[in-house]
C-alpha atoms as a PDB file:
ATOM      1  CA  UNK A   1     -17.160 -20.737   1.433  1.00  0.00           C
ATOM      2  CA  UNK A   2     -14.627 -19.006   2.832  1.00  0.00           C
ATOM      3  CA  UNK A   3     -14.730 -17.465   6.301  1.00  0.00           C
ATOM      4  CA  UNK A   4     -14.247 -14.369   7.376  1.00  0.00           C
ATOM      5  CA  UNK A   5     -11.186 -12.867   9.306  1.00  0.00           C
ATOM      6  CA  UNK A   6      -8.886 -16.068   8.538  1.00  0.00           C
ATOM      7  CA  UNK A   7      -5.922 -15.397   6.794  1.00  0.00           C
ATOM      8  CA  UNK A   8      -5.188 -19.016   4.464  1.00  0.00           C
ATOM      9  CA  UNK A   9      -2.180 -20.714   3.359  1.00  0.00           C
ATOM     10  CA  UNK A  10      -2.504 -20.385  -0.615  1.00  0.00           C
ATOM     11  CA  UNK A  11      -1.362 -18.704  -3.361  1.00  0.00           C
ATOM     12  CA  UNK A  12      -3.669 -16.084  -4.453  1.00  0.00           C
ATOM     13  CA  UNK A  13      -4.896 -17.250  -7.699  1.00  0.00           C
ATOM     14  CA  UNK A  14      -6.111 -20.610  -5.632  1.00  0.00           C
ATOM     15  CA  UNK A  15      -7.450 -18.805  -2.819  1.00  0.00           C
ATOM     16  CA  UNK A  16      -9.096 -16.620  -5.132  1.00  0.00           C
ATOM     17  CA  UNK A  17     -10.767 -19.410  -7.341  1.00  0.00           C
ATOM     18  CA  UNK A  18     -11.932 -21.027  -4.112  1.00  0.00           C
ATOM     19  CA  UNK A  19     -14.088 -17.611  -3.357  1.00  0.00           C
ATOM     20  CA  UNK A  20     -17.769 -16.876  -3.925  1.00  0.00           C
ATOM     21  CA  UNK A  21     -18.285 -14.445  -6.762  1.00  0.00           C
ATOM     22  CA  UNK A  22     -19.703 -11.062  -5.818  1.00  0.00           C
ATOM     23  CA  UNK A  23     -18.596 -11.398  -1.667  1.00  0.00           C
ATOM     24  CA  UNK A  24     -15.845  -8.955  -1.455  1.00  0.00           C
ATOM     25  CA  UNK A  25     -16.162  -5.298  -1.022  1.00  0.00           C
ATOM     26  CA  UNK A  26     -12.724  -3.617  -0.934  1.00  0.00           C
ATOM     27  CA  UNK A  27      -9.546  -5.217  -1.691  1.00  0.00           C
ATOM     28  CA  UNK A  28      -6.324  -3.642  -0.472  1.00  0.00           C
ATOM     29  CA  UNK A  29      -2.955  -5.271  -1.204  1.00  0.00           C
ATOM     30  CA  UNK A  30       0.726  -5.109  -2.357  1.00  0.00           C
ATOM     31  CA  UNK A  31       1.853  -7.677  -4.773  1.00  0.00           C
ATOM     32  CA  UNK A  32       5.739  -8.792  -4.608  1.00  0.00           C
ATOM     33  CA  UNK A  33       7.779  -6.404  -7.177  1.00  0.00           C
ATOM     34  CA  UNK A  34       9.363  -8.224  -9.972  1.00  0.00           C
ATOM     35  CA  UNK A  35      12.755  -9.127  -9.499  1.00  0.00           C
ATOM     36  CA  UNK A  36      13.320  -8.310  -6.511  1.00  0.00           C
ATOM     37  CA  UNK A  37      13.817 -11.294  -4.290  1.00  0.00           C
ATOM     38  CA  UNK A  38      12.824 -14.774  -3.518  1.00  0.00           C
ATOM     39  CA  UNK A  39      10.765 -15.686  -0.534  1.00  0.00           C
ATOM     40  CA  UNK A  40      11.937 -19.113  -1.024  1.00  0.00           C
ATOM     41  CA  UNK A  41       8.258 -20.714  -1.755  1.00  0.00           C
ATOM     42  CA  UNK A  42       6.979 -22.998  -4.448  1.00  0.00           C
ATOM     43  CA  UNK A  43       4.089 -20.541  -6.427  1.00  0.00           C
ATOM     44  CA  UNK A  44       5.528 -17.246  -5.962  1.00  0.00           C
ATOM     45  CA  UNK A  45       5.023 -14.352  -8.354  1.00  0.00           C
ATOM     46  CA  UNK A  46       7.906 -12.080  -8.754  1.00  0.00           C
ATOM     47  CA  UNK A  47      10.103 -14.590  -9.921  1.00  0.00           C
ATOM     48  CA  UNK A  48       8.920 -14.496 -13.720  1.00  0.00           C
ATOM     49  CA  UNK A  49      12.025 -14.728 -16.172  1.00  0.00           C
ATOM     50  CA  UNK A  50      10.470 -11.738 -17.824  1.00  0.00           C
ATOM     51  CA  UNK A  51       8.045  -8.732 -16.638  1.00  0.00           C
ATOM     52  CA  UNK A  52       5.665  -9.447 -19.387  1.00  0.00           C
ATOM     53  CA  UNK A  53       5.203 -12.505 -17.517  1.00  0.00           C
ATOM     54  CA  UNK A  54       5.024 -11.224 -14.414  1.00  0.00           C
ATOM     55  CA  UNK A  55       2.072  -9.039 -15.700  1.00  0.00           C
ATOM     56  CA  UNK A  56       0.362 -11.852 -17.462  1.00  0.00           C
ATOM     57  CA  UNK A  57       0.351 -13.706 -13.917  1.00  0.00           C
ATOM     58  CA  UNK A  58      -0.557 -10.665 -12.158  1.00  0.00           C
ATOM     59  CA  UNK A  59      -3.943 -10.263 -14.703  1.00  0.00           C
ATOM     60  CA  UNK A  60      -4.918 -13.894 -14.156  1.00  0.00           C
ATOM     61  CA  UNK A  61      -4.999 -12.921 -10.414  1.00  0.00           C
ATOM     62  CA  UNK A  62      -6.851  -9.743 -10.874  1.00  0.00           C
ATOM     63  CA  UNK A  63      -9.384 -11.483 -13.644  1.00  0.00           C
ATOM     64  CA  UNK A  64     -10.154 -13.440 -10.302  1.00  0.00           C
ATOM     65  CA  UNK A  65     -10.303 -10.256  -8.030  1.00  0.00           C
ATOM     66  CA  UNK A  66     -12.699  -8.925 -10.402  1.00  0.00           C
ATOM     67  CA  UNK A  67     -14.997 -11.692 -10.250  1.00  0.00           C
ATOM     68  CA  UNK A  68     -15.275 -11.773  -6.403  1.00  0.00           C
ATOM     69  CA  UNK A  69     -15.628  -8.627  -6.347  1.00  0.00           C
ATOM     70  CA  UNK A  70     -19.179  -7.043  -5.410  1.00  0.00           C
ATOM     71  CA  UNK A  71     -20.468  -4.258  -8.271  1.00  0.00           C
ATOM     72  CA  UNK A  72     -20.049  -1.897  -5.661  1.00  0.00           C
ATOM     73  CA  UNK A  73     -16.597  -2.731  -4.892  1.00  0.00           C
ATOM     74  CA  UNK A  74     -13.126  -0.842  -4.770  1.00  0.00           C
ATOM     75  CA  UNK A  75      -9.705  -2.132  -5.291  1.00  0.00           C
ATOM     76  CA  UNK A  76      -6.125  -0.147  -3.896  1.00  0.00           C
ATOM     77  CA  UNK A  77      -2.905  -1.645  -5.432  1.00  0.00           C
ATOM     78  CA  UNK A  78       0.440  -0.826  -4.310  1.00  0.00           C
ATOM     79  CA  UNK A  79       2.804  -1.852  -6.578  1.00  0.00           C
ATOM     80  CA  UNK A  80       6.884  -0.077  -7.189  1.00  0.00           C
ATOM     81  CA  UNK A  81       9.243  -0.577 -10.218  1.00  0.00           C
ATOM     82  CA  UNK A  82      12.523  -2.074 -10.862  1.00  0.00           C
ATOM     83  CA  UNK A  83      15.494  -0.685 -12.781  1.00  0.00           C
ATOM     84  CA  UNK A  84      16.335  -3.194 -15.935  1.00  0.00           C
ATOM     85  CA  UNK A  85      20.425  -4.770 -14.851  1.00  0.00           C
ATOM     86  CA  UNK A  86      19.557  -3.727 -11.049  1.00  0.00           C
ATOM     87  CA  UNK A  87      20.108  -6.529  -8.862  1.00  0.00           C
ATOM     88  CA  UNK A  88      17.503  -5.695  -6.603  1.00  0.00           C
ATOM     89  CA  UNK A  89      15.323  -2.789  -7.745  1.00  0.00           C
ATOM     90  CA  UNK A  90      15.723   0.903  -7.050  1.00  0.00           C
ATOM     91  CA  UNK A  91      19.665  -0.028  -7.046  1.00  0.00           C
ATOM     92  CA  UNK A  92      19.463  -1.450  -3.704  1.00  0.00           C
ATOM     93  CA  UNK A  93      22.007  -3.867  -2.438  1.00  0.00           C
ATOM     94  CA  UNK A  94      21.368  -7.527  -1.107  1.00  0.00           C
ATOM     95  CA  UNK A  95      21.400  -6.524   2.200  1.00  0.00           C
ATOM     96  CA  UNK A  96      18.418  -4.000   1.558  1.00  0.00           C
ATOM     97  CA  UNK A  97      15.386  -4.501   3.824  1.00  0.00           C
ATOM     98  CA  UNK A  98      11.688  -4.163   2.504  1.00  0.00           C
ATOM     99  CA  UNK A  99       7.984  -5.102   2.948  1.00  0.00           C
ATOM    100  CA  UNK A 100       7.420  -8.393   4.550  1.00  0.00           C
ATOM    101  CA  UNK A 101      11.822  -9.296   3.983  1.00  0.00           C
ATOM    102  CA  UNK A 102      12.330 -11.536   6.971  1.00  0.00           C
ATOM    103  CA  UNK A 103      14.239 -14.383   4.657  1.00  0.00           C
ATOM    104  CA  UNK A 104      17.424 -14.955   3.232  1.00  0.00           C
ATOM    105  CA  UNK A 105      17.704 -13.351   0.370  1.00  0.00           C
ATOM    106  CA  UNK A 106      17.991 -15.555  -2.653  1.00  0.00           C
ATOM    107  CA  UNK A 107      18.636 -14.190  -6.076  1.00  0.00           C
ATOM    108  CA  UNK A 108      18.358 -15.444  -9.761  1.00  0.00           C
ATOM    109  CA  UNK A 109      21.466 -17.360 -10.572  1.00  0.00           C
ATOM    110  CA  UNK A 110      21.954 -15.038 -14.171  1.00  0.00           C
ATOM    111  CA  UNK A 111      24.980 -12.754 -14.475  1.00  0.00           C
ATOM    112  CA  UNK A 112      22.910  -9.812 -13.663  1.00  0.00           C
ATOM    113  CA  UNK A 113      21.564 -11.205 -10.732  1.00  0.00           C
ATOM    114  CA  UNK A 114      17.657 -10.793 -11.382  1.00  0.00           C
ATOM    115  CA  UNK A 115      15.176 -11.893 -14.147  1.00  0.00           C
ATOM    116  CA  UNK A 116      16.085 -11.050 -17.887  1.00  0.00           C
ATOM    117  CA  UNK A 117      14.090  -7.473 -17.985  1.00  0.00           C
ATOM    118  CA  UNK A 118      13.301  -8.649 -21.838  1.00  0.00           C
ATOM    119  CA  UNK A 119      14.532  -5.315 -24.057  1.00  0.00           C
ATOM    120  CA  UNK A 120      14.842  -3.232 -21.369  1.00  0.00           C
ATOM    121  CA  UNK A 121      18.399  -1.039 -21.278  1.00  0.00           C
ATOM    122  CA  UNK A 122      20.319  -1.470 -18.186  1.00  0.00           C
ATOM    123  CA  UNK A 123      19.613   1.633 -15.393  1.00  0.00           C
ATOM    124  CA  UNK A 124      16.487   1.967 -17.442  1.00  0.00           C
ATOM    125  CA  UNK A 125      13.147   2.077 -15.064  1.00  0.00           C
ATOM    126  CA  UNK A 126      10.864  -0.612 -16.421  1.00  0.00           C
ATOM    127  CA  UNK A 127       7.483   1.090 -15.855  1.00  0.00           C
ATOM    128  CA  UNK A 128       6.034  -1.944 -14.028  1.00  0.00           C
ATOM    129  CA  UNK A 129       3.436   0.000 -12.312  1.00  0.00           C
ATOM    130  CA  UNK A 130       2.354   1.563 -15.585  1.00  0.00           C
ATOM    131  CA  UNK A 131       2.391  -1.644 -17.541  1.00  0.00           C
ATOM    132  CA  UNK A 132       0.340  -2.847 -14.783  1.00  0.00           C
ATOM    133  CA  UNK A 133      -2.318  -0.261 -15.360  1.00  0.00           C
ATOM    134  CA  UNK A 134      -2.676  -0.534 -18.792  1.00  0.00           C
ATOM    135  CA  UNK A 135      -3.294  -3.875 -18.556  1.00  0.00           C
ATOM    136  CA  UNK A 136      -5.847  -3.445 -16.298  1.00  0.00           C
ATOM    137  CA  UNK A 137      -7.666  -0.555 -18.215  1.00  0.00           C
ATOM    138  CA  UNK A 138      -7.920  -3.206 -21.234  1.00  0.00           C
ATOM    139  CA  UNK A 139      -9.244  -5.808 -19.199  1.00  0.00           C
ATOM    140  CA  UNK A 140     -11.824  -3.447 -18.276  1.00  0.00           C
ATOM    141  CA  UNK A 141     -11.093  -1.904 -14.977  1.00  0.00           C
ATOM    142  CA  UNK A 142     -11.609   1.584 -14.620  1.00  0.00           C
ATOM    143  CA  UNK A 143      -9.144   3.261 -13.131  1.00  0.00           C
ATOM    144  CA  UNK A 144     -10.616   5.931 -10.675  1.00  0.00           C
ATOM    145  CA  UNK A 145      -7.123   7.955  -9.149  1.00  0.00           C
ATOM    146  CA  UNK A 146      -3.052   7.177  -9.350  1.00  0.00           C
ATOM    147  CA  UNK A 147      -2.356   8.238  -5.766  1.00  0.00           C
ATOM    148  CA  UNK A 148       1.737   8.848  -4.723  1.00  0.00           C
ATOM    149  CA  UNK A 149       2.692   7.619  -1.831  1.00  0.00           C
ATOM    150  CA  UNK A 150       5.525  10.035  -0.875  1.00  0.00           C
ATOM    151  CA  UNK A 151       8.103   8.718   2.043  1.00  0.00           C
ATOM    152  CA  UNK A 152       9.212  11.790   3.966  1.00  0.00           C
ATOM    153  CA  UNK A 153      11.752   9.485   5.717  1.00  0.00           C
ATOM    154  CA  UNK A 154      12.570   7.404   2.779  1.00  0.00           C
ATOM    155  CA  UNK A 155      15.789   5.363   2.674  1.00  0.00           C
ATOM    156  CA  UNK A 156      19.370   7.055   1.062  1.00  0.00           C
ATOM    157  CA  UNK A 157      20.518   5.035  -2.003  1.00  0.00           C
ATOM    158  CA  UNK A 158      23.923   4.699  -3.144  1.00  0.00           C
ATOM    159  CA  UNK A 159      23.437   6.275  -6.979  1.00  0.00           C
ATOM    160  CA  UNK A 160      24.993   9.711  -7.923  1.00  0.00           C
ATOM    161  CA  UNK A 161      23.604  10.050 -11.378  1.00  0.00           C
ATOM    162  CA  UNK A 162      19.959  10.393 -10.547  1.00  0.00           C
ATOM    163  CA  UNK A 163      17.724  11.323  -7.481  1.00  0.00           C
ATOM    164  CA  UNK A 164      16.804   9.139  -4.859  1.00  0.00           C
ATOM    165  CA  UNK A 165      13.614   7.141  -5.109  1.00  0.00           C
ATOM    166  CA  UNK A 166      11.067   8.580  -2.267  1.00  0.00           C
ATOM    167  CA  UNK A 167       7.526   7.736  -3.517  1.00  0.00           C
ATOM    168  CA  UNK A 168       5.601   4.525  -4.707  1.00  0.00           C
ATOM    169  CA  UNK A 169       2.200   4.195  -6.967  1.00  0.00           C
ATOM    170  CA  UNK A 170      -1.387   3.344  -5.066  1.00  0.00           C
ATOM    171  CA  UNK A 171      -3.846   2.676  -7.706  1.00  0.00           C
ATOM    172  CA  UNK A 172      -7.766   3.424  -7.173  1.00  0.00           C
ATOM    173  CA  UNK A 173      -9.705   0.950  -9.277  1.00  0.00           C
ATOM    174  CA  UNK A 174     -13.536   0.130  -9.522  1.00  0.00           C
ATOM    175  CA  UNK A 175     -15.206  -2.581 -11.667  1.00  0.00           C
ATOM    176  CA  UNK A 176     -18.473  -0.256 -12.215  1.00  0.00           C
ATOM    177  CA  UNK A 177     -19.041   3.153 -12.423  1.00  0.00           C
ATOM    178  CA  UNK A 178     -21.088   2.911  -9.560  1.00  0.00           C
ATOM    179  CA  UNK A 179     -19.489   2.349  -6.184  1.00  0.00           C
ATOM    180  CA  UNK A 180     -19.164   2.866  -2.403  1.00  0.00           C
ATOM    181  CA  UNK A 181     -17.157   5.491  -1.860  1.00  0.00           C
ATOM    182  CA  UNK A 182     -16.933   7.797   1.780  1.00  0.00           C
ATOM    183  CA  UNK A 183     -15.615  10.956   0.640  1.00  0.00           C
ATOM    184  CA  UNK A 184     -11.975  11.921   2.942  1.00  0.00           C
ATOM    185  CA  UNK A 185     -10.770  14.991   3.819  1.00  0.00           C
ATOM    186  CA  UNK A 186      -7.628  17.144   4.688  1.00  0.00           C
ATOM    187  CA  UNK A 187      -6.243  20.014   6.327  1.00  0.00           C
ATOM    188  CA  UNK A 188      -4.632  22.925   4.584  1.00  0.00           C
ATOM    189  CA  UNK A 189      -3.006  26.166   4.566  1.00  0.00           C
ATOM    190  CA  UNK A 190      -4.515  28.981   2.629  1.00  0.00           C
ATOM    191  CA  UNK A 191      -2.542  31.069   1.120  1.00  0.00           C
ATOM    192  CA  UNK A 192      -2.741  35.256   1.603  1.00  0.00           C
ATOM    193  CA  UNK A 193      -4.973  35.333  -1.464  1.00  0.00           C
ATOM    194  CA  UNK A 194      -7.020  33.089  -0.656  1.00  0.00           C
ATOM    195  CA  UNK A 195      -7.807  34.761   2.652  1.00  0.00           C
ATOM    196  CA  UNK A 196      -8.013  37.797   0.784  1.00  0.00           C
ATOM    197  CA  UNK A 197     -10.738  36.514  -1.316  1.00  0.00           C
ATOM    198  CA  UNK A 198     -12.636  34.480   1.411  1.00  0.00           C
ATOM    199  CA  UNK A 199     -12.256  36.849   4.338  1.00  0.00           C
ATOM    200  CA  UNK A 200     -16.607  37.512   4.623  1.00  0.00           C
ATOM    201  CA  UNK A 201     -17.010  33.406   4.856  1.00  0.00           C
ATOM    202  CA  UNK A 202     -14.015  31.764   6.875  1.00  0.00           C
ATOM    203  CA  UNK A 203     -13.115  31.529  10.247  1.00  0.00           C
ATOM    204  CA  UNK A 204      -9.979  31.395  11.869  1.00  0.00           C
ATOM    205  CA  UNK A 205      -8.136  28.067  13.500  1.00  0.00           C
ATOM    206  CA  UNK A 206      -8.989  29.140  16.863  1.00  0.00           C
ATOM    207  CA  UNK A 207     -12.727  29.519  15.945  1.00  0.00           C
ATOM    208  CA  UNK A 208     -13.105  33.459  15.731  1.00  0.00           C
ATOM    209  CA  UNK A 209     -14.684  35.132  13.171  1.00  0.00           C
ATOM    210  CA  UNK A 210     -12.322  37.622  11.162  1.00  0.00           C
ATOM    211  CA  UNK A 211     -12.676  41.278  11.327  1.00  0.00           C
ATOM    212  CA  UNK A 212     -12.053  43.477   8.090  1.00  0.00           C
ATOM    213  CA  UNK A 213     -10.995  46.394  10.262  1.00  0.00           C
ATOM    214  CA  UNK A 214      -7.234  46.142  10.388  1.00  0.00           C
ATOM    215  CA  UNK A 215      -5.784  45.377   6.943  1.00  0.00           C
ATOM    216  CA  UNK A 216      -2.418  44.686   8.629  1.00  0.00           C
ATOM    217  CA  UNK A 217      -3.977  42.343  11.018  1.00  0.00           C
ATOM    218  CA  UNK A 218      -5.224  40.346   8.177  1.00  0.00           C
ATOM    219  CA  UNK A 219      -2.400  39.947   6.106  1.00  0.00           C
ATOM    220  CA  UNK A 220      -0.966  38.770   9.328  1.00  0.00           C
ATOM    221  CA  UNK A 221      -3.364  36.057  10.055  1.00  0.00           C
ATOM    222  CA  UNK A 222      -3.830  35.008   6.564  1.00  0.00           C
ATOM    223  CA  UNK A 223      -0.678  32.793   7.020  1.00  0.00           C
ATOM    224  CA  UNK A 224      -2.546  30.636   9.446  1.00  0.00           C
ATOM    225  CA  UNK A 225      -4.476  27.786   9.021  1.00  0.00           C
ATOM    226  CA  UNK A 226      -7.990  28.260   7.998  1.00  0.00           C
ATOM    227  CA  UNK A 227     -10.995  26.716   7.046  1.00  0.00           C
ATOM    228  CA  UNK A 228     -13.924  27.931   4.917  1.00  0.00           C
ATOM    229  CA  UNK A 229     -17.373  28.486   6.715  1.00  0.00           C
ATOM    230  CA  UNK A 230     -19.357  25.382   6.637  1.00  0.00           C
ATOM    231  CA  UNK A 231     -16.823  22.978   5.531  1.00  0.00           C
ATOM    232  CA  UNK A 232     -14.807  22.410   8.975  1.00  0.00           C
ATOM    233  CA  UNK A 233     -13.716  18.955   7.830  1.00  0.00           C
ATOM    234  CA  UNK A 234     -11.075  20.353   5.101  1.00  0.00           C
ATOM    235  CA  UNK A 235     -11.288  19.882   1.633  1.00  0.00           C
ATOM    236  CA  UNK A 236     -11.442  16.709  -0.618  1.00  0.00           C
ATOM    237  CA  UNK A 237      -8.434  14.880  -0.194  1.00  0.00           C
ATOM    238  CA  UNK A 238      -5.518  14.833  -2.647  1.00  0.00           C
ATOM    239  CA  UNK A 239      -3.540  12.449  -4.731  1.00  0.00           C
ATOM    240  CA  UNK A 240      -0.344  12.894  -3.063  1.00  0.00           C
ATOM    241  CA  UNK A 241      -0.173  11.157   0.860  1.00  0.00           C
ATOM    242  CA  UNK A 242       2.928  11.852   2.930  1.00  0.00           C
ATOM    243  CA  UNK A 243       3.396   8.915   5.271  1.00  0.00           C
ATOM    244  CA  UNK A 244       6.231   7.461   6.841  1.00  0.00           C
ATOM    245  CA  UNK A 245       7.493   4.140   6.362  1.00  0.00           C
ATOM    246  CA  UNK A 246       7.140   1.964   9.522  1.00  0.00           C
ATOM    247  CA  UNK A 247       9.762  -0.466   9.991  1.00  0.00           C
ATOM    248  CA  UNK A 248      10.160  -3.446  12.139  1.00  0.00           C
ATOM    249  CA  UNK A 249      13.630  -2.115  13.676  1.00  0.00           C
ATOM    250  CA  UNK A 250      14.807  -5.462  15.600  1.00  0.00           C
ATOM    251  CA  UNK A 251      13.314  -7.585  13.132  1.00  0.00           C
ATOM    252  CA  UNK A 252      15.044  -5.965   9.848  1.00  0.00           C
ATOM    253  CA  UNK A 253      12.012  -5.649   7.806  1.00  0.00           C
ATOM    254  CA  UNK A 254       9.524  -3.354   6.979  1.00  0.00           C
ATOM    255  CA  UNK A 255       5.165  -3.359   7.126  1.00  0.00           C
ATOM    256  CA  UNK A 256       2.804  -1.277   5.593  1.00  0.00           C
ATOM    257  CA  UNK A 257       2.389   1.891   7.174  1.00  0.00           C
ATOM    258  CA  UNK A 258      -1.446   1.943   9.317  1.00  0.00           C
ATOM    259  CA  UNK A 259      -2.741   5.529   7.292  1.00  0.00           C
ATOM    260  CA  UNK A 260      -1.814   3.958   4.087  1.00  0.00           C
ATOM    261  CA  UNK A 261      -4.559   1.053   4.606  1.00  0.00           C
ATOM    262  CA  UNK A 262      -6.885   3.008   6.684  1.00  0.00           C
ATOM    263  CA  UNK A 263      -7.581   5.733   4.138  1.00  0.00           C
ATOM    264  CA  UNK A 264      -8.608   3.555   1.334  1.00  0.00           C
ATOM    265  CA  UNK A 265     -10.459   1.211   3.945  1.00  0.00           C
ATOM    266  CA  UNK A 266     -12.374   4.412   5.114  1.00  0.00           C
ATOM    267  CA  UNK A 267     -12.807   5.457   1.666  1.00  0.00           C
ATOM    268  CA  UNK A 268     -13.917   2.133  -0.073  1.00  0.00           C
ATOM    269  CA  UNK A 269     -15.356  -0.258   2.091  1.00  0.00           C
ATOM    270  CA  UNK A 270     -18.784   0.127   4.131  1.00  0.00           C
ATOM    271  CA  UNK A 271     -18.724  -0.597   7.851  1.00  0.00           C
ATOM    272  CA  UNK A 272     -18.699  -4.632   8.463  1.00  0.00           C
ATOM    273  CA  UNK A 273     -18.042  -4.969   5.015  1.00  0.00           C
ATOM    274  CA  UNK A 274     -15.268  -7.383   3.768  1.00  0.00           C
ATOM    275  CA  UNK A 275     -11.861  -6.051   2.807  1.00  0.00           C
ATOM    276  CA  UNK A 276      -9.096  -8.676   1.136  1.00  0.00           C
ATOM    277  CA  UNK A 277      -5.344  -8.761   1.112  1.00  0.00           C
ATOM    278  CA  UNK A 278      -4.691 -11.365  -1.573  1.00  0.00           C
ATOM    279  CA  UNK A 279      -0.797 -10.852  -0.701  1.00  0.00           C
ATOM    280  CA  UNK A 280      -1.428 -10.458   2.948  1.00  0.00           C
ATOM    281  CA  UNK A 281       2.116 -10.299   4.294  1.00  0.00           C
ATOM    282  CA  UNK A 282       2.560  -9.826   7.799  1.00  0.00           C
ATOM    283  CA  UNK A 283      -0.926  -8.757   8.333  1.00  0.00           C
ATOM    284  CA  UNK A 284      -1.246  -4.708   8.099  1.00  0.00           C
ATOM    285  CA  UNK A 285      -4.599  -4.640   5.782  1.00  0.00           C
ATOM    286  CA  UNK A 286      -5.927  -7.267   8.395  1.00  0.00           C
ATOM    287  CA  UNK A 287      -5.001  -4.777  11.597  1.00  0.00           C
ATOM    288  CA  UNK A 288      -6.898  -2.025  10.178  1.00  0.00           C
ATOM    289  CA  UNK A 289      -9.571  -3.564   8.829  1.00  0.00           C
ATOM    290  CA  UNK A 290     -10.325  -4.946  12.194  1.00  0.00           C
ATOM    291  CA  UNK A 291      -9.693  -1.636  14.376  1.00  0.00           C
ATOM    292  CA  UNK A 292     -12.114   0.461  11.711  1.00  0.00           C
ATOM    293  CA  UNK A 293     -14.978  -2.254  12.261  1.00  0.00           C
ATOM    294  CA  UNK A 294     -14.511  -4.479   9.029  1.00  0.00           C
ATOM    295  CA  UNK A 295     -14.134  -7.803   8.292  1.00  0.00           C
ATOM    296  CA  UNK A 296     -11.136  -9.283   6.381  1.00  0.00           C
ATOM    297  CA  UNK A 297     -10.334 -11.780   4.545  1.00  0.00           C
ATOM    298  CA  UNK A 298      -6.269 -13.179   3.865  1.00  0.00           C
ATOM    299  CA  UNK A 299      -4.433 -15.278   1.385  1.00  0.00           C
ATOM    300  CA  UNK A 300      -0.623 -15.831   2.131  1.00  0.00           C
ATOM    301  CA  UNK A 301       1.605 -18.350   0.636  1.00  0.00           C
ATOM    302  CA  UNK A 302       4.399 -18.483   3.184  1.00  0.00           C
ATOM    303  CA  UNK A 303       3.347 -19.654   6.416  1.00  0.00           C
ATOM    304  CA  UNK A 304       5.768 -17.802   8.580  1.00  0.00           C
ATOM    305  CA  UNK A 305       3.883 -14.652   7.667  1.00  0.00           C
ATOM    306  CA  UNK A 306       0.840 -16.045   9.016  1.00  0.00           C
ATOM    307  CA  UNK A 307       2.113 -16.427  12.076  1.00  0.00           C
ATOM    308  CA  UNK A 308       3.607 -12.980  12.230  1.00  0.00           C
ATOM    309  CA  UNK A 309       0.334 -11.659  11.081  1.00  0.00           C
ATOM    310  CA  UNK A 310      -1.765 -13.443  13.551  1.00  0.00           C
ATOM    311  CA  UNK A 311       0.221 -12.342  16.050  1.00  0.00           C
ATOM    312  CA  UNK A 312       0.105  -8.596  15.142  1.00  0.00           C
ATOM    313  CA  UNK A 313      -3.908  -9.169  14.671  1.00  0.00           C
ATOM    314  CA  UNK A 314      -4.412 -10.867  18.089  1.00  0.00           C
ATOM    315  CA  UNK A 315      -1.927  -8.320  20.325  1.00  0.00           C
ATOM    316  CA  UNK A 316      -3.273  -5.106  17.989  1.00  0.00           C
ATOM    317  CA  UNK A 317      -7.065  -6.359  19.502  1.00  0.00           C
ATOM    318  CA  UNK A 318      -5.728  -7.275  22.962  1.00  0.00           C
ATOM    319  CA  UNK A 319      -3.078  -4.771  23.261  1.00  0.00           C
ATOM    320  CA  UNK A 320      -1.428  -7.236  26.054  1.00  0.00           C
ATOM    321  CA  UNK A 321       2.172  -7.120  24.079  1.00  0.00           C
ATOM    322  CA  UNK A 322       4.229  -3.886  23.856  1.00  0.00           C
ATOM    323  CA  UNK A 323       5.981  -3.237  20.433  1.00  0.00           C
ATOM    324  CA  UNK A 324       9.178  -3.908  22.172  1.00  0.00           C
ATOM    325  CA  UNK A 325       7.874  -7.559  22.834  1.00  0.00           C
ATOM    326  CA  UNK A 326       6.218  -7.484  19.001  1.00  0.00           C
ATOM    327  CA  UNK A 327       9.502  -6.929  17.817  1.00  0.00           C
ATOM    328  CA  UNK A 328      11.525  -9.615  19.951  1.00  0.00           C
ATOM    329  CA  UNK A 329       8.360 -11.992  18.424  1.00  0.00           C
ATOM    330  CA  UNK A 330       8.982 -11.024  14.923  1.00  0.00           C
ATOM    331  CA  UNK A 331      12.880 -11.304  15.308  1.00  0.00           C
ATOM    332  CA  UNK A 332      12.543 -15.514  16.915  1.00  0.00           C
ATOM    333  CA  UNK A 333      10.272 -15.396  13.697  1.00  0.00           C
ATOM    334  CA  UNK A 334      12.803 -14.128  11.430  1.00  0.00           C
ATOM    335  CA  UNK A 335      15.663 -16.581  12.984  1.00  0.00           C
ATOM    336  CA  UNK A 336      13.273 -19.504  12.780  1.00  0.00           C
ATOM    337  CA  UNK A 337      12.790 -18.547   8.600  1.00  0.00           C
ATOM    338  CA  UNK A 338      16.529 -18.593   8.448  1.00  0.00           C
ATOM    339  CA  UNK A 339      17.575 -21.774   9.723  1.00  0.00           C
ATOM    340  CA  UNK A 340      15.046 -23.231   7.690  1.00  0.00           C
ATOM    341  CA  UNK A 341      16.452 -21.675   4.523  1.00  0.00           C
ATOM    342  CA  UNK A 342      19.890 -23.086   5.569  1.00  0.00           C
END
C-alpha cells in the first residue's frame, strides 16, 4: 500500500498501477509538455515522435488516475500547447526557462529540433490541450470547467507575427456527477448600474449602510468596491485566474505558483484528504497540500527533483531556511545535475 506524505521515484504509469483503487481524493498535476525539453531520464513522457503518441500515453496514465480516484474525487490538469515546427514550443529559444527546467537541455536530432508534428503546419499551434480534453471526455471523464491561468508577468517573446502568449489552461474533471466541492469566492467591483440597482441591499467597503438621499454621492461611491448584503464573502469564483509565475531566479527554473494549487485543493479535496500529483516535479503540490491540512502522494521520475521537493516541503513546514538559502540549495542541485549530464 502506498504511504501518504511521500514522493516515490517512479514513472507515473508504474506508480499508479501500484496504488490502491478508490484511494485518492484529489489530483493536481501538470504533465511535461510535448516536445518542449528532454529531462534526461528514461521513461519520461513528452518525447514521443508524434503528438498522437503523446496523447495516447497520457490517456493510459489518466485511465489509472480514474481507477485510484474516489468516486467523489476531482482532477485538475495544467497543460500547455506547442507550435508545429518550433524548437521548444511557444517560440522559445533553447535557453528559455520553464517549469522544472533544471537540467542541461537536450532536443531531438531532427532538422526541426523537436518531435515530428505529424501533419501540423509550421507556426501552427498543435492544439494539445484541446486534443487532451476531447480524449478525456471520450474516455468517460466529466469536464466541469476550463480555467484560464492568466500570467500578468508573462515572459516577453521574440515574435512579431502573432501576439504574446500570456495564459495556460487548467482543466477541472470529475469521474462522477456527485463529487466533493467547496465553493470558492472572489471579491468584485460593482459598476454604477449594479450599485444603483442594488442600492437598497448592500454595504459599502467600509461596512456602513449607504443612504439614498444624495444621488451625486451615490454615483461617486458606486465606483468603489461593494458587496451585496448577506454575501460578504463575495461572488462565486470565475474561471479566469490572474496569478503571477514564481521563478527561482538563482536556479534558472520556475515552479508552480502556490495560489494556482491552493484554489483547486481548497475546492476539490476534503480536510485530511489525499492529494496526488503523478508528475510531482519540484514539489509545489505537496507543499500546498500540507499547508492546507491535506496529505499528499507524489510520483516523480527524476531523483534530483525529489531531492528539491523534499527540501521545499521540509523547509516550508519548519520555516528554517530563508528564500535566499533555498535558492542557493536549488542552484547547488542544478549544478550537480549538469555535471551528471556532461
